N, C-alpha and C. Protein backbone atom coordinates (compact mmCIF):
# COMPACT_ATOMS: atom_id res chain seq x y z
N UNK A 1 58.48 134.90 125.34
CA UNK A 1 57.62 134.25 124.23
C UNK A 1 56.94 133.20 124.75
N UNK A 2 55.62 133.12 124.89
CA UNK A 2 54.83 132.04 125.27
C UNK A 2 54.85 130.96 124.19
N UNK A 3 54.36 129.77 124.73
CA UNK A 3 54.41 128.59 123.86
C UNK A 3 53.67 128.58 122.61
N UNK A 4 52.47 129.29 122.60
CA UNK A 4 51.48 129.37 121.42
C UNK A 4 52.23 130.23 120.53
N UNK A 5 52.71 131.29 120.83
CA UNK A 5 53.46 132.26 119.82
C UNK A 5 54.68 131.43 119.23
N UNK A 6 55.40 130.82 120.11
CA UNK A 6 56.56 130.15 119.61
C UNK A 6 56.18 129.10 118.59
N UNK A 7 55.22 128.23 118.95
CA UNK A 7 54.83 127.22 118.04
C UNK A 7 54.19 127.72 116.74
N UNK A 8 53.52 128.83 116.80
CA UNK A 8 53.05 129.44 115.52
C UNK A 8 54.16 129.79 114.73
N UNK A 9 55.25 130.59 115.36
CA UNK A 9 56.40 130.96 114.65
C UNK A 9 57.02 129.78 113.93
N UNK A 10 57.23 128.66 114.70
CA UNK A 10 57.95 127.56 114.10
C UNK A 10 57.15 127.05 112.99
N UNK A 11 55.88 126.87 113.08
CA UNK A 11 55.13 126.33 111.97
C UNK A 11 55.14 127.18 110.78
N UNK A 12 55.06 128.51 110.90
CA UNK A 12 55.20 129.44 109.71
C UNK A 12 56.61 129.31 109.17
N UNK A 13 57.66 129.20 109.98
CA UNK A 13 59.04 129.10 109.40
C UNK A 13 59.28 127.78 108.70
N UNK A 14 58.76 126.71 109.20
CA UNK A 14 58.81 125.38 108.48
C UNK A 14 58.06 125.38 107.15
N UNK A 15 56.94 126.01 107.16
CA UNK A 15 56.14 126.16 105.87
C UNK A 15 57.02 126.85 104.92
N UNK A 16 57.61 128.10 105.35
CA UNK A 16 58.41 128.78 104.37
C UNK A 16 59.51 128.17 103.89
N UNK A 17 60.24 127.32 104.78
CA UNK A 17 61.38 126.54 104.17
C UNK A 17 61.17 125.67 103.04
N UNK A 18 59.88 125.37 102.80
CA UNK A 18 59.55 124.50 101.66
C UNK A 18 58.78 125.16 100.67
N UNK A 19 58.76 126.57 100.59
CA UNK A 19 57.96 127.31 99.81
C UNK A 19 58.39 127.19 98.37
N UNK A 20 57.60 127.44 97.39
CA UNK A 20 58.07 127.24 96.02
C UNK A 20 59.17 128.18 95.59
N UNK A 21 59.08 129.40 96.09
CA UNK A 21 60.03 130.52 95.77
C UNK A 21 61.28 130.37 96.57
N UNK A 22 62.56 130.34 95.86
CA UNK A 22 63.76 130.21 96.53
C UNK A 22 63.95 131.42 97.55
N UNK A 23 63.53 132.63 97.05
CA UNK A 23 63.66 133.91 97.91
C UNK A 23 63.09 133.66 99.22
N UNK A 24 61.84 133.00 99.35
CA UNK A 24 61.02 132.83 100.52
C UNK A 24 61.89 131.70 101.33
N UNK A 25 62.30 130.79 100.91
CA UNK A 25 63.16 129.81 101.57
C UNK A 25 64.38 130.32 102.06
N UNK A 26 65.06 131.23 101.31
CA UNK A 26 66.37 131.92 101.80
C UNK A 26 66.04 132.85 103.02
N UNK A 27 64.97 133.50 102.96
CA UNK A 27 64.46 134.40 103.95
C UNK A 27 64.23 133.61 105.30
N UNK A 28 63.62 132.48 105.11
CA UNK A 28 63.13 131.66 106.14
C UNK A 28 64.40 130.90 106.86
N UNK A 29 65.51 130.62 105.92
CA UNK A 29 66.69 130.06 106.58
C UNK A 29 67.48 131.09 107.36
N UNK A 30 67.52 132.47 106.79
CA UNK A 30 68.05 133.50 107.38
C UNK A 30 67.45 133.72 108.80
N UNK A 31 66.10 133.66 108.79
CA UNK A 31 65.39 133.89 110.13
C UNK A 31 65.75 132.79 111.15
N UNK A 32 65.86 131.58 110.69
CA UNK A 32 66.17 130.49 111.46
C UNK A 32 67.64 130.63 112.20
N UNK A 33 68.63 131.24 111.32
CA UNK A 33 69.76 131.46 112.07
C UNK A 33 69.90 132.74 112.84
N UNK A 34 69.09 133.71 112.56
CA UNK A 34 69.02 134.97 113.27
C UNK A 34 68.44 134.70 114.67
N UNK A 35 67.37 133.79 114.68
CA UNK A 35 66.83 133.49 116.04
C UNK A 35 66.96 131.96 116.05
N UNK A 36 68.07 131.55 116.48
CA UNK A 36 68.36 130.03 116.56
C UNK A 36 67.48 129.36 117.52
N UNK A 37 66.95 128.17 117.10
CA UNK A 37 66.02 127.49 118.05
C UNK A 37 66.49 126.02 117.83
N UNK A 38 66.87 125.38 118.84
CA UNK A 38 67.42 123.90 118.69
C UNK A 38 66.34 122.90 118.37
N UNK A 39 65.07 123.31 118.64
CA UNK A 39 63.89 122.44 118.34
C UNK A 39 63.75 122.38 116.80
N UNK A 40 64.34 123.36 115.89
CA UNK A 40 64.43 123.27 114.51
C UNK A 40 65.42 122.62 113.80
N UNK A 41 66.40 122.17 114.62
CA UNK A 41 67.58 121.45 114.03
C UNK A 41 67.15 120.20 113.13
N UNK A 42 66.28 119.42 113.60
CA UNK A 42 65.79 118.35 112.76
C UNK A 42 65.28 118.71 111.45
N UNK A 43 64.38 119.68 111.35
CA UNK A 43 63.89 120.29 110.15
C UNK A 43 64.94 120.90 109.30
N UNK A 44 65.84 121.65 109.85
CA UNK A 44 66.89 122.36 109.05
C UNK A 44 67.79 121.30 108.40
N UNK A 45 68.13 120.28 109.10
CA UNK A 45 69.05 119.23 108.57
C UNK A 45 68.34 118.52 107.54
N UNK A 46 66.98 118.13 107.70
CA UNK A 46 66.30 117.48 106.65
C UNK A 46 66.21 118.35 105.53
N UNK A 47 66.04 119.48 105.72
CA UNK A 47 65.88 120.49 104.47
C UNK A 47 67.18 120.46 103.67
N UNK A 48 68.33 120.51 104.34
CA UNK A 48 69.51 120.39 103.67
C UNK A 48 69.66 119.30 102.71
N UNK A 49 68.97 118.12 102.92
CA UNK A 49 69.10 117.10 102.05
C UNK A 49 68.29 117.09 100.89
N UNK A 50 67.42 118.07 100.76
CA UNK A 50 66.58 118.20 99.60
C UNK A 50 66.55 119.48 98.94
N UNK A 51 67.15 120.51 99.54
CA UNK A 51 67.07 121.84 99.08
C UNK A 51 67.81 122.10 97.66
N UNK A 52 67.28 122.47 96.66
CA UNK A 52 67.84 122.63 95.39
C UNK A 52 68.81 123.75 94.96
N UNK A 53 68.60 124.81 95.87
CA UNK A 53 69.12 126.10 95.64
C UNK A 53 70.46 126.17 96.44
N UNK A 54 71.49 126.41 95.69
CA UNK A 54 72.80 126.55 96.50
C UNK A 54 72.86 127.54 97.64
N UNK A 55 72.41 128.82 97.28
CA UNK A 55 72.33 129.88 98.30
C UNK A 55 71.38 129.52 99.48
N UNK A 56 70.31 128.86 99.30
CA UNK A 56 69.40 128.42 100.41
C UNK A 56 70.22 127.50 101.28
N UNK A 57 70.92 126.47 100.55
CA UNK A 57 71.55 125.45 101.36
C UNK A 57 72.69 126.09 102.17
N UNK A 58 73.33 127.04 101.69
CA UNK A 58 74.43 127.71 102.41
C UNK A 58 73.81 128.41 103.66
N UNK A 59 72.62 129.02 103.50
CA UNK A 59 71.97 129.80 104.59
C UNK A 59 71.58 128.76 105.56
N UNK A 60 71.09 127.61 105.25
CA UNK A 60 70.63 126.43 106.01
C UNK A 60 71.86 126.11 106.90
N UNK A 61 72.97 125.90 106.26
CA UNK A 61 74.12 125.51 107.04
C UNK A 61 74.56 126.62 108.00
N UNK A 62 74.56 127.93 107.64
CA UNK A 62 74.80 128.93 108.59
C UNK A 62 73.72 128.93 109.81
N UNK A 63 72.55 128.62 109.48
CA UNK A 63 71.53 128.56 110.57
C UNK A 63 71.94 127.45 111.43
N UNK A 64 72.43 126.20 111.00
CA UNK A 64 72.58 125.20 111.91
C UNK A 64 74.06 125.34 112.79
N UNK A 65 74.93 126.23 112.30
CA UNK A 65 76.03 126.48 113.04
C UNK A 65 75.60 127.54 114.11
N UNK A 66 74.49 128.07 114.05
CA UNK A 66 74.07 128.93 115.19
C UNK A 66 73.44 128.31 116.27
N UNK A 67 72.97 127.02 116.02
CA UNK A 67 72.37 126.26 117.11
C UNK A 67 73.31 125.55 117.97
N UNK A 68 72.89 124.88 119.07
CA UNK A 68 73.78 124.27 119.98
C UNK A 68 74.56 123.19 119.28
N UNK A 69 75.88 123.28 119.36
CA UNK A 69 76.61 122.30 118.61
C UNK A 69 76.43 120.78 118.91
N UNK A 70 76.23 120.49 120.16
CA UNK A 70 75.91 119.09 120.46
C UNK A 70 74.67 118.48 120.05
N UNK A 71 73.72 119.48 119.91
CA UNK A 71 72.44 118.98 119.25
C UNK A 71 72.53 118.72 117.80
N UNK A 72 73.17 119.82 117.12
CA UNK A 72 73.26 119.88 115.77
C UNK A 72 74.27 118.73 115.27
N UNK A 73 75.43 118.51 115.85
CA UNK A 73 76.49 117.43 115.50
C UNK A 73 75.69 116.08 115.54
N UNK A 74 75.03 115.80 116.65
CA UNK A 74 74.44 114.48 116.81
C UNK A 74 73.53 114.24 115.53
N UNK A 75 72.67 115.19 115.20
CA UNK A 75 71.82 114.93 114.03
C UNK A 75 72.46 114.84 112.77
N UNK A 76 73.60 115.64 112.62
CA UNK A 76 74.43 115.56 111.41
C UNK A 76 75.05 114.28 111.24
N UNK A 77 75.67 113.74 112.36
CA UNK A 77 76.25 112.41 112.23
C UNK A 77 75.41 111.39 111.86
N UNK A 78 74.12 111.51 112.16
CA UNK A 78 73.05 110.49 111.79
C UNK A 78 72.78 110.61 110.27
N UNK A 79 72.92 111.87 109.85
CA UNK A 79 72.51 112.09 108.24
C UNK A 79 73.77 111.44 107.39
N UNK A 80 74.85 111.11 107.93
CA UNK A 80 75.89 110.60 107.17
C UNK A 80 75.52 109.10 106.55
N UNK A 81 74.67 108.61 107.22
CA UNK A 81 74.10 107.19 106.66
C UNK A 81 73.03 107.19 105.72
N UNK A 82 72.53 108.51 105.35
CA UNK A 82 71.46 108.64 104.46
C UNK A 82 71.79 107.91 103.14
N UNK A 83 70.70 107.53 102.52
CA UNK A 83 70.90 106.97 101.12
C UNK A 83 70.86 108.12 100.11
N UNK A 84 70.59 109.31 100.54
CA UNK A 84 70.46 110.42 99.56
C UNK A 84 71.91 111.06 99.60
N UNK A 85 72.71 111.21 98.55
CA UNK A 85 73.90 111.79 98.29
C UNK A 85 74.05 113.15 98.78
N UNK A 86 73.09 114.08 98.51
CA UNK A 86 73.09 115.29 98.86
C UNK A 86 73.03 115.51 100.40
N UNK A 87 72.09 114.73 101.04
CA UNK A 87 72.05 114.76 102.48
C UNK A 87 73.38 114.44 103.16
N UNK A 88 74.21 113.35 102.59
CA UNK A 88 75.63 113.18 103.16
C UNK A 88 76.46 114.25 102.86
N UNK A 89 76.40 114.73 101.66
CA UNK A 89 77.29 115.98 101.33
C UNK A 89 77.01 117.03 102.24
N UNK A 90 75.76 117.56 102.46
CA UNK A 90 75.56 118.72 103.23
C UNK A 90 75.86 118.50 104.54
N UNK A 91 75.71 117.22 105.14
CA UNK A 91 75.94 116.93 106.54
C UNK A 91 77.64 117.21 106.78
N UNK A 92 78.24 116.67 105.76
CA UNK A 92 79.71 116.74 106.00
C UNK A 92 80.13 118.23 105.83
N UNK A 93 79.67 118.98 104.93
CA UNK A 93 79.81 120.34 104.75
C UNK A 93 79.58 121.14 106.08
N UNK A 94 78.27 120.99 106.64
CA UNK A 94 77.94 121.58 107.92
C UNK A 94 78.93 121.26 109.07
N UNK A 95 79.33 119.86 109.22
CA UNK A 95 80.26 119.55 110.15
C UNK A 95 81.57 120.33 109.98
N UNK A 96 81.97 120.46 108.81
CA UNK A 96 83.36 121.24 108.75
C UNK A 96 83.11 122.53 109.08
N UNK A 97 82.07 123.20 108.88
CA UNK A 97 81.83 124.55 109.23
C UNK A 97 81.81 124.83 110.80
N UNK A 98 81.14 123.84 111.36
CA UNK A 98 81.19 123.79 112.99
C UNK A 98 82.63 123.61 113.51
N UNK A 99 83.30 122.75 112.72
CA UNK A 99 84.75 122.67 113.10
C UNK A 99 85.20 122.05 114.28
N UNK A 100 84.53 121.14 114.83
CA UNK A 100 84.83 120.46 116.17
C UNK A 100 85.75 119.37 115.79
N UNK A 101 87.15 119.29 116.05
CA UNK A 101 87.99 118.24 115.75
C UNK A 101 87.50 116.90 116.32
N UNK A 102 87.01 116.89 117.39
CA UNK A 102 86.74 115.52 118.08
C UNK A 102 85.57 114.89 117.32
N UNK A 103 84.99 115.36 116.32
CA UNK A 103 83.89 114.86 115.58
C UNK A 103 84.63 113.72 114.55
N UNK A 104 85.88 114.08 114.09
CA UNK A 104 86.51 113.20 112.99
C UNK A 104 86.31 111.75 113.38
N UNK A 105 86.59 111.44 114.46
CA UNK A 105 86.60 109.96 114.73
C UNK A 105 85.18 109.28 114.73
N UNK A 106 84.24 110.11 114.69
CA UNK A 106 82.81 109.65 114.54
C UNK A 106 82.26 109.69 113.08
N UNK A 107 83.10 110.26 112.18
CA UNK A 107 82.73 110.31 110.85
C UNK A 107 83.27 108.95 110.03
N UNK A 108 82.34 108.21 109.42
CA UNK A 108 82.94 107.03 108.66
C UNK A 108 83.84 107.38 107.56
N UNK A 109 85.02 106.75 107.73
CA UNK A 109 86.04 107.27 106.77
C UNK A 109 85.74 106.69 105.50
N UNK A 110 84.86 105.59 105.26
CA UNK A 110 84.55 105.35 103.88
C UNK A 110 83.86 106.35 103.15
N UNK A 111 83.39 107.54 103.67
CA UNK A 111 82.95 108.54 102.98
C UNK A 111 84.07 109.25 102.18
N UNK A 112 85.25 109.14 102.50
CA UNK A 112 86.39 109.72 101.65
C UNK A 112 86.43 108.98 100.33
N UNK A 113 85.81 107.82 100.13
CA UNK A 113 85.79 106.95 99.00
C UNK A 113 84.31 106.87 98.47
N UNK A 114 83.45 107.69 98.84
CA UNK A 114 82.06 107.49 98.56
C UNK A 114 81.94 107.57 97.06
N UNK A 115 81.12 106.59 96.44
CA UNK A 115 81.01 106.48 95.09
C UNK A 115 80.48 107.85 94.27
N UNK A 116 79.75 108.70 95.07
CA UNK A 116 79.16 109.81 94.60
C UNK A 116 80.28 110.96 94.66
N UNK A 117 80.62 111.61 93.67
CA UNK A 117 81.63 112.59 93.56
C UNK A 117 81.45 113.70 94.56
N UNK A 118 80.24 114.31 94.52
CA UNK A 118 79.89 115.37 95.40
C UNK A 118 80.18 115.07 96.85
N UNK A 119 79.77 113.84 97.24
CA UNK A 119 79.90 113.47 98.69
C UNK A 119 81.35 113.26 99.00
N UNK A 120 82.14 112.62 97.98
CA UNK A 120 83.63 112.45 98.29
C UNK A 120 84.26 113.82 98.39
N UNK A 121 83.92 114.79 97.41
CA UNK A 121 84.57 116.19 97.55
C UNK A 121 84.35 116.76 98.82
N UNK A 122 83.06 116.66 99.43
CA UNK A 122 82.76 117.24 100.73
C UNK A 122 83.49 116.55 101.75
N UNK A 123 83.59 115.31 101.81
CA UNK A 123 84.33 114.47 102.82
C UNK A 123 85.82 114.90 102.67
N UNK A 124 86.45 115.07 101.62
CA UNK A 124 87.80 115.53 101.50
C UNK A 124 88.02 116.98 102.09
N UNK A 125 87.08 117.80 101.83
CA UNK A 125 87.22 119.09 102.51
C UNK A 125 86.96 119.08 103.98
N UNK A 126 85.99 118.38 104.42
CA UNK A 126 85.72 118.23 105.82
C UNK A 126 86.92 117.64 106.59
N UNK A 127 87.58 116.66 105.91
CA UNK A 127 88.71 115.89 106.53
C UNK A 127 89.91 116.93 106.73
N UNK A 128 90.20 117.79 105.93
CA UNK A 128 91.18 118.65 105.94
C UNK A 128 90.99 119.66 107.13
N UNK A 129 89.69 119.92 107.42
CA UNK A 129 89.40 120.88 108.53
C UNK A 129 89.50 120.22 109.76
N UNK A 130 88.81 119.00 109.76
CA UNK A 130 88.67 118.48 111.04
C UNK A 130 89.72 117.35 111.62
N UNK A 131 90.44 116.77 110.56
CA UNK A 131 91.56 115.92 111.16
C UNK A 131 92.53 116.36 112.06
N UNK A 132 92.77 115.84 113.18
CA UNK A 132 93.79 116.27 114.02
C UNK A 132 95.20 116.23 113.40
N UNK A 133 96.17 117.03 113.67
CA UNK A 133 97.53 117.00 113.14
C UNK A 133 98.26 115.84 113.29
N UNK A 134 97.98 114.97 114.25
CA UNK A 134 98.71 113.66 114.29
C UNK A 134 98.14 112.60 113.55
N UNK A 135 97.00 112.79 112.78
CA UNK A 135 96.39 111.87 111.94
C UNK A 135 96.34 112.44 110.44
N UNK A 136 97.06 113.37 110.16
CA UNK A 136 97.17 114.01 108.80
C UNK A 136 97.96 112.95 107.76
N UNK A 137 99.04 112.38 108.32
CA UNK A 137 99.65 111.38 107.48
C UNK A 137 98.83 110.24 107.11
N UNK A 138 98.01 109.79 108.00
CA UNK A 138 97.02 108.75 107.77
C UNK A 138 95.96 109.19 106.69
N UNK A 139 95.51 110.51 106.87
CA UNK A 139 94.56 111.03 105.87
C UNK A 139 95.14 111.01 104.60
N UNK A 140 96.50 111.36 104.50
CA UNK A 140 97.07 111.58 103.27
C UNK A 140 97.15 110.23 102.53
N UNK A 141 97.40 109.16 103.23
CA UNK A 141 97.44 107.90 102.56
C UNK A 141 96.13 107.40 102.08
N UNK A 142 95.03 107.93 102.71
CA UNK A 142 93.67 107.44 102.29
C UNK A 142 93.37 108.40 100.95
N UNK A 143 93.79 109.65 100.95
CA UNK A 143 93.52 110.46 99.79
C UNK A 143 94.23 110.06 98.48
N UNK A 144 95.41 109.84 98.55
CA UNK A 144 96.15 109.45 97.35
C UNK A 144 95.67 108.28 96.73
N UNK A 145 94.82 107.37 97.44
CA UNK A 145 94.22 106.31 96.62
C UNK A 145 93.20 106.77 95.71
N UNK A 146 92.79 108.10 95.90
CA UNK A 146 91.65 108.57 95.05
C UNK A 146 92.38 109.44 93.84
N UNK A 147 93.61 109.54 93.69
CA UNK A 147 94.15 110.13 92.53
C UNK A 147 93.75 109.50 91.22
N UNK A 148 93.45 110.41 90.29
CA UNK A 148 93.10 110.08 88.90
C UNK A 148 91.43 109.91 88.84
N UNK A 149 90.80 109.97 89.82
CA UNK A 149 89.46 109.79 89.90
C UNK A 149 88.66 110.95 89.41
N UNK A 150 87.55 110.72 88.57
CA UNK A 150 86.61 111.84 88.27
C UNK A 150 86.85 112.79 87.28
N UNK A 151 86.15 113.75 87.25
CA UNK A 151 86.31 114.90 86.22
C UNK A 151 87.28 115.89 86.76
N UNK A 152 87.54 116.93 86.12
CA UNK A 152 88.48 117.96 86.39
C UNK A 152 88.22 118.53 87.69
N UNK A 153 86.90 118.93 88.09
CA UNK A 153 86.55 119.37 89.15
C UNK A 153 86.77 118.53 90.50
N UNK A 154 86.48 117.24 90.34
CA UNK A 154 86.69 116.27 91.36
C UNK A 154 88.19 116.25 91.59
N UNK A 155 89.04 116.09 90.57
CA UNK A 155 90.55 116.15 90.77
C UNK A 155 90.96 117.43 91.36
N UNK A 156 90.49 118.50 91.10
CA UNK A 156 91.01 119.87 91.64
C UNK A 156 90.74 119.77 93.07
N UNK A 157 89.43 119.19 93.52
CA UNK A 157 89.22 119.26 94.98
C UNK A 157 90.13 118.36 95.81
N UNK A 158 90.36 117.21 95.04
CA UNK A 158 91.34 116.33 95.71
C UNK A 158 92.79 116.90 95.87
N UNK A 159 93.15 117.53 94.82
CA UNK A 159 94.54 118.17 94.90
C UNK A 159 94.61 119.30 95.97
N UNK A 160 93.52 120.06 96.06
CA UNK A 160 93.70 121.07 97.04
C UNK A 160 93.61 120.55 98.46
N UNK A 161 92.94 119.32 98.62
CA UNK A 161 93.01 118.80 99.91
C UNK A 161 94.37 118.33 100.37
N UNK A 162 95.11 117.68 99.19
CA UNK A 162 96.38 117.17 99.40
C UNK A 162 97.37 118.29 99.76
N UNK A 163 97.16 119.47 99.04
CA UNK A 163 98.01 120.67 99.18
C UNK A 163 97.82 121.14 100.61
N UNK A 164 96.55 121.09 101.14
CA UNK A 164 96.19 121.58 102.48
C UNK A 164 96.94 120.62 103.56
N UNK A 165 96.96 119.50 103.21
CA UNK A 165 97.73 118.35 104.18
C UNK A 165 99.21 118.89 104.34
N UNK A 166 99.79 119.18 103.09
CA UNK A 166 101.20 119.66 103.08
C UNK A 166 102.24 118.51 102.95
N UNK A 167 103.26 118.59 103.79
CA UNK A 167 104.52 117.77 103.57
C UNK A 167 104.20 116.29 103.71
N UNK A 168 103.31 115.84 104.43
CA UNK A 168 102.96 114.45 104.76
C UNK A 168 102.53 113.93 103.55
N UNK A 169 101.96 114.62 102.55
CA UNK A 169 101.50 114.10 101.15
C UNK A 169 102.65 113.85 100.25
N UNK A 170 103.82 114.62 100.33
CA UNK A 170 104.85 114.59 99.26
C UNK A 170 105.46 113.27 98.90
N UNK A 171 105.71 112.47 100.00
CA UNK A 171 106.37 111.27 99.47
C UNK A 171 105.44 110.42 98.80
N UNK A 172 104.09 110.37 99.32
CA UNK A 172 103.11 109.59 98.60
C UNK A 172 102.76 109.98 97.16
N UNK A 173 102.84 111.26 96.88
CA UNK A 173 102.75 111.74 95.54
C UNK A 173 103.80 111.44 94.68
N UNK A 174 104.96 111.36 95.19
CA UNK A 174 106.09 110.93 94.45
C UNK A 174 105.98 109.36 94.04
N UNK A 175 105.51 108.61 94.95
CA UNK A 175 105.30 107.07 94.60
C UNK A 175 104.24 107.08 93.50
N UNK A 176 103.06 107.84 93.66
CA UNK A 176 102.03 107.75 92.75
C UNK A 176 102.42 108.24 91.53
N UNK A 177 103.29 109.32 91.32
CA UNK A 177 103.73 109.86 90.08
C UNK A 177 104.65 108.82 89.27
N UNK A 178 105.17 107.74 89.88
CA UNK A 178 105.92 106.73 89.32
C UNK A 178 105.17 105.54 88.93
N UNK A 179 103.97 105.48 89.12
CA UNK A 179 103.17 104.31 89.03
C UNK A 179 102.74 103.99 87.67
N UNK A 180 102.00 102.97 87.41
CA UNK A 180 101.56 102.56 86.07
C UNK A 180 100.44 103.25 85.52
N UNK A 181 99.42 103.60 86.25
CA UNK A 181 98.41 104.38 85.72
C UNK A 181 98.56 105.84 85.33
N UNK A 182 98.26 106.05 83.96
CA UNK A 182 98.68 107.41 83.38
C UNK A 182 97.85 108.42 84.16
N UNK A 183 96.56 108.35 84.44
CA UNK A 183 95.72 109.15 85.01
C UNK A 183 96.22 109.60 86.48
N UNK A 184 96.58 108.47 87.16
CA UNK A 184 97.24 108.73 88.45
C UNK A 184 98.36 109.57 88.45
N UNK A 185 99.34 109.06 87.48
CA UNK A 185 100.64 109.89 87.32
C UNK A 185 100.37 111.31 87.08
N UNK A 186 99.43 111.56 86.26
CA UNK A 186 99.30 113.00 85.90
C UNK A 186 98.66 113.78 86.91
N UNK A 187 97.77 113.12 87.60
CA UNK A 187 97.05 113.87 88.70
C UNK A 187 98.04 114.13 89.83
N UNK A 188 98.89 113.12 90.08
CA UNK A 188 99.96 113.37 91.19
C UNK A 188 100.93 114.32 90.85
N UNK A 189 101.37 114.37 89.53
CA UNK A 189 102.45 115.43 89.13
C UNK A 189 101.78 116.83 89.19
N UNK A 190 100.37 116.94 88.84
CA UNK A 190 99.76 118.29 88.81
C UNK A 190 99.65 118.76 90.25
N UNK A 191 99.35 117.75 91.21
CA UNK A 191 99.28 118.03 92.74
C UNK A 191 100.55 118.62 93.15
N UNK A 192 101.59 118.00 92.79
CA UNK A 192 102.99 118.38 93.14
C UNK A 192 103.15 119.89 92.63
N UNK A 193 102.78 120.18 91.44
CA UNK A 193 102.97 121.54 90.98
C UNK A 193 102.30 122.45 91.85
N UNK A 194 101.01 122.18 92.23
CA UNK A 194 100.24 123.09 93.05
C UNK A 194 100.83 123.15 94.51
N UNK A 195 101.54 122.16 94.96
CA UNK A 195 102.36 122.18 96.27
C UNK A 195 103.27 123.38 96.07
N UNK A 196 104.01 123.37 95.01
CA UNK A 196 105.05 124.34 94.75
C UNK A 196 104.48 125.78 94.54
N UNK A 197 103.25 125.86 93.99
CA UNK A 197 102.61 127.20 93.71
C UNK A 197 101.07 126.98 93.97
N UNK A 198 100.69 127.11 95.37
CA UNK A 198 99.31 126.89 95.55
C UNK A 198 98.22 127.78 94.89
N UNK A 199 98.80 128.98 94.51
CA UNK A 199 97.94 129.97 93.95
C UNK A 199 97.71 129.64 92.49
N UNK A 200 98.50 128.67 91.91
CA UNK A 200 98.29 128.51 90.51
C UNK A 200 96.92 127.84 90.02
N UNK A 201 96.67 127.89 88.72
CA UNK A 201 95.36 127.37 88.30
C UNK A 201 95.70 125.83 88.01
N UNK A 202 94.57 125.08 88.45
CA UNK A 202 94.73 123.73 88.48
C UNK A 202 94.86 123.27 87.02
N UNK A 203 94.05 123.73 86.16
CA UNK A 203 94.19 123.31 84.67
C UNK A 203 95.58 123.54 84.17
N UNK A 204 96.23 124.62 84.51
CA UNK A 204 97.43 124.87 84.02
C UNK A 204 98.46 123.79 84.73
N UNK A 205 98.24 123.51 85.94
CA UNK A 205 99.09 122.52 86.64
C UNK A 205 99.00 121.16 85.86
N UNK A 206 97.85 120.83 85.36
CA UNK A 206 97.69 119.49 84.74
C UNK A 206 98.25 119.57 83.34
N UNK A 207 98.25 120.75 82.64
CA UNK A 207 98.90 120.76 81.40
C UNK A 207 100.42 120.66 81.60
N UNK A 208 100.89 121.34 82.64
CA UNK A 208 102.38 121.28 82.83
C UNK A 208 102.75 119.86 83.24
N UNK A 209 101.94 119.35 83.99
CA UNK A 209 102.21 117.84 84.34
C UNK A 209 102.27 116.97 83.27
N UNK A 210 101.33 117.15 82.30
CA UNK A 210 101.23 116.29 81.26
C UNK A 210 102.63 116.45 80.28
N UNK A 211 102.92 117.72 80.03
CA UNK A 211 104.08 118.01 79.25
C UNK A 211 105.36 117.37 79.95
N UNK A 212 105.45 117.53 81.14
CA UNK A 212 106.59 117.04 82.01
C UNK A 212 106.74 115.47 81.97
N UNK A 213 105.54 114.77 81.99
CA UNK A 213 105.51 113.38 81.80
C UNK A 213 105.82 112.86 80.44
N UNK A 214 105.39 113.65 79.52
CA UNK A 214 105.65 113.41 78.11
C UNK A 214 107.14 113.32 77.95
N UNK A 215 107.74 114.43 78.21
CA UNK A 215 109.14 114.54 78.09
C UNK A 215 109.96 113.61 78.92
N UNK A 216 109.44 113.11 79.97
CA UNK A 216 110.19 112.16 80.84
C UNK A 216 110.11 110.75 80.12
N UNK A 217 108.98 110.52 79.45
CA UNK A 217 108.70 109.21 78.77
C UNK A 217 109.27 109.16 77.33
N UNK A 218 109.78 110.38 76.74
CA UNK A 218 110.14 110.27 75.41
C UNK A 218 111.50 109.71 75.24
N UNK A 219 111.83 109.13 74.19
CA UNK A 219 112.97 108.44 73.93
C UNK A 219 114.21 109.34 73.82
N UNK A 220 115.28 108.98 74.29
CA UNK A 220 116.34 109.76 74.39
C UNK A 220 116.96 110.03 72.98
N UNK A 221 117.53 111.16 72.64
CA UNK A 221 118.12 111.42 71.21
C UNK A 221 119.11 110.23 70.84
N UNK A 222 118.85 109.77 69.70
CA UNK A 222 119.67 108.71 69.16
C UNK A 222 119.11 107.22 69.42
N UNK A 223 118.12 107.11 70.38
CA UNK A 223 117.38 105.91 70.76
C UNK A 223 116.72 105.40 69.43
N UNK A 224 117.16 103.96 69.09
CA UNK A 224 116.41 103.37 67.96
C UNK A 224 114.98 103.03 68.34
N UNK A 225 114.13 103.11 67.42
CA UNK A 225 112.71 102.66 67.68
C UNK A 225 112.61 101.18 67.45
């Protein structure tokens, strides 16, 4: 392919990636992955930060995983400092899909505590994939500090991350379950239930944890008020 044809193809694809119709953007992202071109990495990463359609974003991530990892990873790491939450979140998601463990040390661990819930959830999922085995206990210590945070979906994501870490998280969950904060205690207990039955529903685990904690805090028979 000569340079003129290649430049024309790139220009048309870049234009299609920002077309009004999601179907057009999806086809463009598919084409970018089918015929990967490292020269388009910057455009694809930039588009991830603003693309409103979930399916298009997912296809953009796939397209990026088809490009040269060193080129793509370098661009994604730079995106982690973006002021746009979606850009940070999608960069973390794509790094987890590339799955290179050596990247973990280059990711700011403050993202595990990002004030934006979507970013934090992406960081938790990426951490579980990318953290080397000898650092999983340290990761567990970071994640338990987020117990009790956010809505049901955010708590579910954190619990699933802790379940994926496994045994290293168990003693930390036991400590959190006996703490003073009711939301933390409940979330820790629900996570322990998921440890025992990873296929169970998170909402059911929360309900079970709530009942168990209520019984544990109930006065013994015959205790005077």
